[in-house]
């Protein structure tokens, strides 16, 4: 039996609470799509789940993120 694997990025979104604790927020598989509509969907999902008061976003120059 031959098993094949594909290289796929997995993005993990972490947050820091006011007291400095790390909190896992979400993860997603972009499937090669980092356009602004994908990021908008991610942020809509996070805010609908109660995320608020974002002060800073740190990334590795992900395309589409800056537009959102």
N, C-alpha and C. Protein backbone atom coordinates (compact mmCIF):
# COMPACT_ATOMS: atom_id res chain seq x y z
N UNK A 1 0.85 -1.17 0.00
CA UNK A 1 0.00 0.00 0.00
C UNK A 1 0.90 1.24 0.00
N UNK A 2 0.65 2.13 -0.91
CA UNK A 2 1.42 3.36 -1.01
C UNK A 2 0.60 4.52 -0.44
N UNK A 3 1.19 5.27 0.44
CA UNK A 3 0.54 6.43 1.03
C UNK A 3 1.25 7.67 0.54
N UNK A 4 0.49 8.63 0.08
CA UNK A 4 1.10 9.88 -0.38
C UNK A 4 0.64 11.01 0.53
N UNK A 5 1.50 11.99 0.66
CA UNK A 5 1.22 13.14 1.49
C UNK A 5 1.37 14.40 0.67
N UNK A 6 0.58 15.38 1.00
CA UNK A 6 0.69 16.69 0.34
C UNK A 6 1.15 17.71 1.36
N UNK A 7 1.98 18.62 0.92
CA UNK A 7 2.40 19.70 1.80
C UNK A 7 1.29 20.74 1.82
N UNK A 8 0.83 21.05 3.00
CA UNK A 8 -0.27 21.99 3.15
C UNK A 8 0.01 22.86 4.37
N UNK A 9 -0.18 24.15 4.22
CA UNK A 9 0.02 25.07 5.35
C UNK A 9 -1.18 24.98 6.29
N UNK A 10 -0.90 25.08 7.55
CA UNK A 10 -1.94 25.18 8.57
C UNK A 10 -1.65 26.44 9.36
N UNK A 11 -2.58 27.37 9.37
CA UNK A 11 -2.40 28.61 10.11
C UNK A 11 -3.08 28.47 11.47
N UNK A 12 -2.35 28.82 12.50
CA UNK A 12 -2.87 28.79 13.86
C UNK A 12 -2.97 30.22 14.36
N UNK A 13 -4.12 30.58 14.87
CA UNK A 13 -4.32 31.93 15.39
C UNK A 13 -4.31 31.87 16.91
N UNK A 14 -3.39 32.61 17.50
CA UNK A 14 -3.24 32.67 18.94
C UNK A 14 -3.49 34.09 19.42
N UNK A 15 -3.94 34.22 20.63
CA UNK A 15 -4.15 35.53 21.21
C UNK A 15 -3.48 35.61 22.56
N UNK A 16 -3.29 36.81 23.03
CA UNK A 16 -2.78 37.04 24.38
C UNK A 16 -3.85 37.75 25.18
N UNK A 17 -4.11 37.25 26.36
CA UNK A 17 -5.08 37.90 27.24
C UNK A 17 -4.43 39.13 27.88
N UNK A 18 -5.23 39.94 28.56
CA UNK A 18 -4.71 41.14 29.20
C UNK A 18 -3.62 40.83 30.22
N UNK A 19 -3.72 39.65 30.84
CA UNK A 19 -2.71 39.28 31.83
C UNK A 19 -1.55 38.49 31.24
N UNK A 20 -1.47 38.43 29.89
CA UNK A 20 -0.32 37.85 29.22
C UNK A 20 -0.39 36.36 28.92
N UNK A 21 -1.52 35.73 29.19
CA UNK A 21 -1.66 34.30 28.88
C UNK A 21 -1.97 34.09 27.41
N UNK A 22 -1.40 33.04 26.82
CA UNK A 22 -1.68 32.70 25.43
C UNK A 22 -3.00 31.95 25.36
N UNK A 23 -3.77 32.27 24.33
CA UNK A 23 -5.06 31.61 24.14
C UNK A 23 -5.19 31.18 22.68
N UNK A 24 -5.47 29.91 22.47
CA UNK A 24 -5.68 29.38 21.13
C UNK A 24 -7.04 29.87 20.62
N UNK A 25 -7.06 30.52 19.46
CA UNK A 25 -8.30 31.07 18.92
C UNK A 25 -8.90 30.20 17.83
N UNK A 26 -8.07 29.77 16.89
CA UNK A 26 -8.58 29.00 15.76
C UNK A 26 -7.43 28.48 14.91
N UNK A 27 -7.75 27.68 13.94
CA UNK A 27 -6.80 27.27 12.92
C UNK A 27 -7.54 27.16 11.60
N UNK A 28 -6.83 27.21 10.50
CA UNK A 28 -7.46 27.01 9.21
C UNK A 28 -6.44 26.56 8.19
N UNK A 29 -6.93 25.94 7.15
CA UNK A 29 -6.13 25.48 6.02
C UNK A 29 -6.43 26.39 4.84
N UNK A 30 -5.51 27.25 4.45
CA UNK A 30 -5.81 28.22 3.41
C UNK A 30 -5.88 27.63 2.00
N UNK A 31 -5.38 26.43 1.80
CA UNK A 31 -5.39 25.77 0.48
C UNK A 31 -4.79 26.67 -0.59
N UNK A 32 -3.73 27.38 -0.23
CA UNK A 32 -3.06 28.25 -1.19
C UNK A 32 -3.73 29.58 -1.41
N UNK A 33 -4.82 29.84 -0.70
CA UNK A 33 -5.56 31.08 -0.89
C UNK A 33 -5.41 31.97 0.33
N UNK A 34 -4.67 33.05 0.19
CA UNK A 34 -4.50 34.01 1.29
C UNK A 34 -5.11 35.36 0.94
N UNK A 35 -6.09 35.36 0.07
CA UNK A 35 -6.71 36.60 -0.37
C UNK A 35 -7.52 37.24 0.75
N UNK A 36 -7.84 38.50 0.57
CA UNK A 36 -8.52 39.26 1.62
C UNK A 36 -9.89 38.68 1.97
N UNK A 37 -10.59 38.07 1.01
CA UNK A 37 -11.91 37.51 1.33
C UNK A 37 -11.80 36.34 2.30
N UNK A 38 -10.71 35.58 2.24
CA UNK A 38 -10.48 34.48 3.17
C UNK A 38 -10.21 35.04 4.57
N UNK A 39 -9.36 36.07 4.65
CA UNK A 39 -9.08 36.68 5.94
C UNK A 39 -10.32 37.34 6.53
N UNK A 40 -11.12 37.95 5.69
CA UNK A 40 -12.35 38.57 6.19
C UNK A 40 -13.26 37.51 6.81
N UNK A 41 -13.40 36.39 6.15
CA UNK A 41 -14.22 35.29 6.67
C UNK A 41 -13.68 34.81 8.03
N UNK A 42 -12.37 34.72 8.14
CA UNK A 42 -11.75 34.29 9.41
C UNK A 42 -12.08 35.29 10.52
N UNK A 43 -11.91 36.59 10.25
CA UNK A 43 -12.16 37.59 11.28
C UNK A 43 -13.65 37.71 11.61
N UNK A 44 -14.51 37.54 10.64
CA UNK A 44 -15.96 37.53 10.93
C UNK A 44 -16.29 36.37 11.86
N UNK A 45 -15.69 35.21 11.59
CA UNK A 45 -15.90 34.04 12.44
C UNK A 45 -15.42 34.31 13.86
N UNK A 46 -14.23 34.88 13.99
CA UNK A 46 -13.69 35.15 15.32
C UNK A 46 -14.52 36.17 16.09
N UNK A 47 -14.96 37.24 15.42
CA UNK A 47 -15.77 38.24 16.12
C UNK A 47 -17.15 37.69 16.47
N UNK A 48 -17.70 36.82 15.64
CA UNK A 48 -19.00 36.23 15.96
C UNK A 48 -18.90 35.29 17.17
N UNK A 49 -17.68 34.81 17.43
CA UNK A 49 -17.44 33.95 18.60
C UNK A 49 -16.99 34.76 19.82
N UNK A 50 -16.96 36.10 19.70
CA UNK A 50 -16.72 36.94 20.86
C UNK A 50 -15.39 37.67 20.89
N UNK A 51 -14.55 37.53 19.87
CA UNK A 51 -13.27 38.25 19.87
C UNK A 51 -13.52 39.75 19.74
N UNK A 52 -12.87 40.53 20.59
CA UNK A 52 -12.98 41.99 20.52
C UNK A 52 -11.76 42.61 21.15
N UNK A 53 -11.53 43.86 20.86
CA UNK A 53 -10.42 44.59 21.46
C UNK A 53 -9.06 44.21 20.92
N UNK A 54 -8.98 43.86 19.65
CA UNK A 54 -7.69 43.49 19.05
C UNK A 54 -6.81 44.74 18.97
N UNK A 55 -5.62 44.64 19.50
CA UNK A 55 -4.68 45.77 19.52
C UNK A 55 -3.58 45.63 18.49
N UNK A 56 -3.23 44.40 18.12
CA UNK A 56 -2.11 44.18 17.21
C UNK A 56 -2.25 42.82 16.54
N UNK A 57 -1.82 42.76 15.29
CA UNK A 57 -1.75 41.50 14.55
C UNK A 57 -0.32 41.34 14.06
N UNK A 58 0.27 40.18 14.28
CA UNK A 58 1.62 39.90 13.83
C UNK A 58 1.55 38.75 12.84
N UNK A 59 2.21 38.91 11.70
CA UNK A 59 2.19 37.86 10.68
C UNK A 59 3.50 37.87 9.90
N UNK A 60 3.63 36.94 9.01
CA UNK A 60 4.80 36.84 8.14
C UNK A 60 4.45 37.33 6.75
N UNK A 61 4.02 38.58 6.63
CA UNK A 61 3.69 39.19 5.35
C UNK A 61 2.70 38.36 4.54
N UNK A 62 1.58 38.00 5.16
CA UNK A 62 0.56 37.20 4.48
C UNK A 62 -0.25 38.09 3.56
N UNK A 63 -0.29 37.72 2.30
CA UNK A 63 -1.00 38.55 1.32
C UNK A 63 -2.49 38.57 1.64
N UNK A 64 -3.11 39.71 1.44
CA UNK A 64 -4.53 39.86 1.68
C UNK A 64 -4.87 40.29 3.09
N UNK A 65 -4.02 40.01 4.04
CA UNK A 65 -4.30 40.34 5.44
C UNK A 65 -4.36 41.84 5.67
N UNK A 66 -3.45 42.57 5.07
CA UNK A 66 -3.39 44.02 5.29
C UNK A 66 -4.67 44.72 4.79
N UNK A 67 -5.27 44.21 3.71
CA UNK A 67 -6.48 44.83 3.16
C UNK A 67 -7.67 44.72 4.11
N UNK A 68 -7.72 43.66 4.89
CA UNK A 68 -8.83 43.43 5.80
C UNK A 68 -8.63 44.27 7.04
